[in-house]
């Protein structure tokens, strides 16, 4: 299984939805809280090709987007193949 990283803030509803989907699928993830840390947020924006909103989600080092993108991949049946090692 590929490493999943998710950049979040504590008050983000979309972050909660993305984490819930991953948890329901039994996927472990590394959560990176960018609230109040400009250096971590800058790293997130750079890695996400300018994406400034949270969550920003990476699977195996590849940026897959935010919560809506993650849920769209799941609906299309494309999330499991991306997660597979």
N, C-alpha and C. Protein backbone atom coordinates (compact mmCIF):
# COMPACT_ATOMS: atom_id res chain seq x y z
N UNK A 1 0.84 -1.18 0.00
CA UNK A 1 0.00 0.00 0.00
C UNK A 1 0.89 1.24 0.00
N UNK A 2 0.53 2.19 -0.83
CA UNK A 2 1.30 3.43 -0.92
C UNK A 2 1.04 4.32 0.29
N UNK A 3 2.02 5.16 0.60
CA UNK A 3 1.88 6.12 1.69
C UNK A 3 0.89 7.21 1.29
N UNK A 4 -0.03 7.51 2.19
CA UNK A 4 -1.01 8.57 1.97
C UNK A 4 -0.71 9.69 2.96
N UNK A 5 -0.55 10.91 2.43
CA UNK A 5 -0.33 12.09 3.26
C UNK A 5 -1.48 13.05 3.01
N UNK A 6 -1.96 13.66 4.09
CA UNK A 6 -3.05 14.62 3.96
C UNK A 6 -2.74 15.85 4.82
N UNK A 7 -2.65 16.99 4.15
CA UNK A 7 -2.43 18.26 4.83
C UNK A 7 -3.79 18.78 5.28
N UNK A 8 -3.90 19.14 6.56
CA UNK A 8 -5.18 19.52 7.14
C UNK A 8 -5.05 20.72 8.07
N UNK A 9 -6.22 21.20 8.51
CA UNK A 9 -6.34 22.10 9.65
C UNK A 9 -7.45 21.53 10.53
N UNK A 10 -7.45 21.85 11.83
CA UNK A 10 -8.40 21.24 12.75
C UNK A 10 -9.87 21.59 12.47
N UNK A 11 -10.16 22.74 11.90
CA UNK A 11 -11.55 23.17 11.74
C UNK A 11 -12.09 22.95 10.33
N UNK A 12 -11.42 22.15 9.54
CA UNK A 12 -11.78 21.96 8.13
C UNK A 12 -12.74 20.78 7.95
N UNK A 13 -13.96 21.08 7.54
CA UNK A 13 -14.94 20.02 7.30
C UNK A 13 -14.56 19.10 6.15
N UNK A 14 -13.95 19.65 5.12
CA UNK A 14 -13.52 18.83 3.99
C UNK A 14 -12.41 17.88 4.40
N UNK A 15 -11.56 18.32 5.33
CA UNK A 15 -10.51 17.45 5.85
C UNK A 15 -11.14 16.27 6.58
N UNK A 16 -12.16 16.55 7.38
CA UNK A 16 -12.85 15.49 8.13
C UNK A 16 -13.45 14.48 7.15
N UNK A 17 -14.08 14.96 6.08
CA UNK A 17 -14.69 14.05 5.11
C UNK A 17 -13.65 13.18 4.41
N UNK A 18 -12.52 13.77 4.05
CA UNK A 18 -11.46 13.01 3.37
C UNK A 18 -10.89 11.96 4.31
N UNK A 19 -10.63 12.35 5.56
CA UNK A 19 -10.08 11.40 6.53
C UNK A 19 -11.08 10.29 6.82
N UNK A 20 -12.37 10.63 6.86
CA UNK A 20 -13.40 9.63 7.11
C UNK A 20 -13.41 8.59 5.99
N UNK A 21 -13.33 9.04 4.73
CA UNK A 21 -13.31 8.10 3.61
C UNK A 21 -12.11 7.16 3.71
N UNK A 22 -10.94 7.72 3.96
CA UNK A 22 -9.74 6.90 4.07
C UNK A 22 -9.86 5.90 5.22
N UNK A 23 -10.37 6.37 6.35
CA UNK A 23 -10.53 5.50 7.52
C UNK A 23 -11.53 4.38 7.23
N UNK A 24 -12.65 4.71 6.58
CA UNK A 24 -13.65 3.70 6.24
C UNK A 24 -13.08 2.63 5.32
N UNK A 25 -12.13 3.01 4.48
CA UNK A 25 -11.50 2.07 3.56
C UNK A 25 -10.34 1.31 4.23
N UNK A 26 -10.05 1.65 5.50
CA UNK A 26 -8.97 0.99 6.21
C UNK A 26 -7.59 1.47 5.77
N UNK A 27 -7.52 2.67 5.23
CA UNK A 27 -6.26 3.22 4.74
C UNK A 27 -5.62 4.07 5.83
N UNK A 28 -4.40 3.71 6.18
CA UNK A 28 -3.65 4.52 7.13
C UNK A 28 -3.10 5.73 6.39
N UNK A 29 -3.02 6.86 7.09
CA UNK A 29 -2.51 8.07 6.46
C UNK A 29 -1.71 8.88 7.47
N UNK A 30 -0.84 9.72 6.92
CA UNK A 30 -0.06 10.65 7.72
C UNK A 30 -0.76 11.99 7.62
N UNK A 31 -1.19 12.52 8.76
CA UNK A 31 -1.87 13.81 8.77
C UNK A 31 -0.86 14.90 9.13
N UNK A 32 -0.82 15.94 8.32
CA UNK A 32 0.10 17.06 8.54
C UNK A 32 -0.75 18.30 8.78
N UNK A 33 -0.78 18.76 10.03
CA UNK A 33 -1.58 19.91 10.42
C UNK A 33 -0.80 21.19 10.09
N UNK A 34 -1.33 21.99 9.17
CA UNK A 34 -0.63 23.21 8.74
C UNK A 34 -1.14 24.45 9.46
N UNK A 35 -2.09 24.30 10.37
CA UNK A 35 -2.63 25.46 11.09
C UNK A 35 -1.53 26.13 11.91
N UNK A 36 -1.35 27.40 11.67
CA UNK A 36 -0.38 28.16 12.46
C UNK A 36 1.07 27.87 12.14
N UNK A 37 1.34 27.14 11.08
CA UNK A 37 2.73 26.84 10.71
C UNK A 37 2.98 27.26 9.27
N UNK A 38 3.43 28.49 9.06
CA UNK A 38 3.62 28.99 7.70
C UNK A 38 4.61 28.17 6.87
N UNK A 39 5.60 27.58 7.52
CA UNK A 39 6.57 26.77 6.77
C UNK A 39 5.93 25.50 6.22
N UNK A 40 5.13 24.82 7.06
CA UNK A 40 4.43 23.62 6.59
C UNK A 40 3.43 23.97 5.49
N UNK A 41 2.72 25.09 5.66
CA UNK A 41 1.75 25.51 4.65
C UNK A 41 2.46 25.82 3.33
N UNK A 42 3.61 26.46 3.40
CA UNK A 42 4.37 26.78 2.19
C UNK A 42 4.82 25.50 1.49
N UNK A 43 5.24 24.51 2.27
CA UNK A 43 5.61 23.22 1.70
C UNK A 43 4.42 22.58 1.00
N UNK A 44 3.25 22.64 1.66
CA UNK A 44 2.03 22.08 1.07
C UNK A 44 1.72 22.76 -0.26
N UNK A 45 1.74 24.08 -0.28
CA UNK A 45 1.42 24.83 -1.50
C UNK A 45 2.38 24.48 -2.62
N UNK A 46 3.66 24.37 -2.30
CA UNK A 46 4.66 24.00 -3.31
C UNK A 46 4.39 22.60 -3.84
N UNK A 47 4.18 21.66 -2.96
CA UNK A 47 3.93 20.27 -3.38
C UNK A 47 2.64 20.14 -4.17
N UNK A 48 1.63 20.97 -3.82
CA UNK A 48 0.32 20.89 -4.44
C UNK A 48 0.21 21.80 -5.67
N UNK A 49 1.35 22.20 -6.21
CA UNK A 49 1.36 23.04 -7.42
C UNK A 49 0.49 24.29 -7.26
N UNK A 50 0.61 24.93 -6.10
CA UNK A 50 -0.10 26.17 -5.85
C UNK A 50 -1.41 26.01 -5.10
N UNK A 51 -1.81 24.78 -4.81
CA UNK A 51 -3.05 24.55 -4.06
C UNK A 51 -2.93 25.09 -2.65
N UNK A 52 -3.79 26.03 -2.29
CA UNK A 52 -3.68 26.69 -0.99
C UNK A 52 -4.72 26.22 0.02
N UNK A 53 -5.76 25.55 -0.45
CA UNK A 53 -6.82 25.11 0.46
C UNK A 53 -6.49 23.74 1.03
N UNK A 54 -7.09 23.43 2.16
CA UNK A 54 -6.94 22.10 2.74
C UNK A 54 -8.26 21.36 2.58
N UNK A 55 -8.21 20.06 2.49
CA UNK A 55 -7.01 19.23 2.51
C UNK A 55 -6.31 19.22 1.15
N UNK A 56 -5.04 18.90 1.18
CA UNK A 56 -4.28 18.55 -0.01
C UNK A 56 -3.79 17.13 0.25
N UNK A 57 -4.06 16.24 -0.70
CA UNK A 57 -3.84 14.81 -0.47
C UNK A 57 -2.83 14.28 -1.48
N UNK A 58 -1.91 13.47 -0.96
CA UNK A 58 -0.87 12.86 -1.77
C UNK A 58 -0.89 11.35 -1.54
N UNK A 59 -0.80 10.59 -2.61
CA UNK A 59 -0.74 9.14 -2.52
C UNK A 59 0.53 8.70 -3.22
N UNK A 60 1.42 8.05 -2.48
CA UNK A 60 2.68 7.65 -3.06
C UNK A 60 3.48 8.83 -3.59
N UNK A 61 3.35 9.98 -2.93
CA UNK A 61 4.07 11.18 -3.34
C UNK A 61 3.40 11.96 -4.46
N UNK A 62 2.36 11.40 -5.06
CA UNK A 62 1.66 12.07 -6.16
C UNK A 62 0.47 12.85 -5.62
N UNK A 63 0.33 14.09 -6.06
CA UNK A 63 -0.78 14.93 -5.63
C UNK A 63 -2.06 14.46 -6.31
N UNK A 64 -3.10 14.16 -5.51
CA UNK A 64 -4.38 13.76 -6.08
C UNK A 64 -5.45 14.83 -5.91
N UNK A 65 -5.14 15.90 -5.18
CA UNK A 65 -6.07 17.00 -5.02
C UNK A 65 -6.63 17.07 -3.61
N UNK A 66 -7.88 17.55 -3.53
CA UNK A 66 -8.53 17.73 -2.25
C UNK A 66 -9.58 16.67 -1.99
N UNK A 67 -10.47 16.98 -1.05
CA UNK A 67 -11.51 16.03 -0.65
C UNK A 67 -12.44 15.68 -1.81
N UNK A 68 -12.88 16.69 -2.56
CA UNK A 68 -13.78 16.42 -3.69
C UNK A 68 -13.11 15.51 -4.71
N UNK A 69 -11.82 15.73 -4.95
CA UNK A 69 -11.08 14.89 -5.90
C UNK A 69 -10.96 13.46 -5.39
N UNK A 70 -10.68 13.32 -4.10
CA UNK A 70 -10.56 11.99 -3.50
C UNK A 70 -11.88 11.23 -3.62
N UNK A 71 -12.98 11.90 -3.30
CA UNK A 71 -14.30 11.26 -3.38
C UNK A 71 -14.67 10.93 -4.84
N UNK A 72 -14.28 11.79 -5.77
CA UNK A 72 -14.54 11.51 -7.19
C UNK A 72 -13.78 10.28 -7.64
N UNK A 73 -12.52 10.13 -7.22
CA UNK A 73 -11.75 8.93 -7.55
C UNK A 73 -12.43 7.69 -7.01
N UNK A 74 -12.96 7.78 -5.79
CA UNK A 74 -13.65 6.64 -5.18
C UNK A 74 -14.91 6.29 -5.98
N UNK A 75 -15.70 7.30 -6.35
CA UNK A 75 -16.94 7.05 -7.12
C UNK A 75 -16.65 6.41 -8.47
N UNK A 76 -15.53 6.80 -9.09
CA UNK A 76 -15.17 6.27 -10.41
C UNK A 76 -14.46 4.92 -10.33
N UNK A 77 -14.22 4.44 -9.11
CA UNK A 77 -13.53 3.17 -8.94
C UNK A 77 -12.04 3.25 -9.21
N UNK A 78 -11.47 4.46 -9.14
CA UNK A 78 -10.06 4.64 -9.46
C UNK A 78 -9.17 4.77 -8.22
N UNK A 79 -9.79 4.94 -7.04
CA UNK A 79 -8.98 5.15 -5.84
C UNK A 79 -8.21 3.89 -5.44
N UNK A 80 -8.87 2.74 -5.43
CA UNK A 80 -8.20 1.51 -5.02
C UNK A 80 -6.98 1.20 -5.89
N UNK A 81 -7.08 1.31 -7.22
CA UNK A 81 -5.88 1.05 -8.05
C UNK A 81 -4.74 2.01 -7.75
N UNK A 82 -5.07 3.28 -7.45
CA UNK A 82 -4.02 4.25 -7.14
C UNK A 82 -3.35 3.90 -5.83
N UNK A 83 -4.13 3.42 -4.87
CA UNK A 83 -3.58 3.05 -3.56
C UNK A 83 -2.75 1.78 -3.59
N UNK A 84 -3.04 0.90 -4.53
CA UNK A 84 -2.35 -0.39 -4.59
C UNK A 84 -0.87 -0.20 -4.86
N UNK A 85 -0.09 -1.02 -4.20
CA UNK A 85 1.37 -0.91 -4.37
C UNK A 85 1.81 -1.43 -5.71
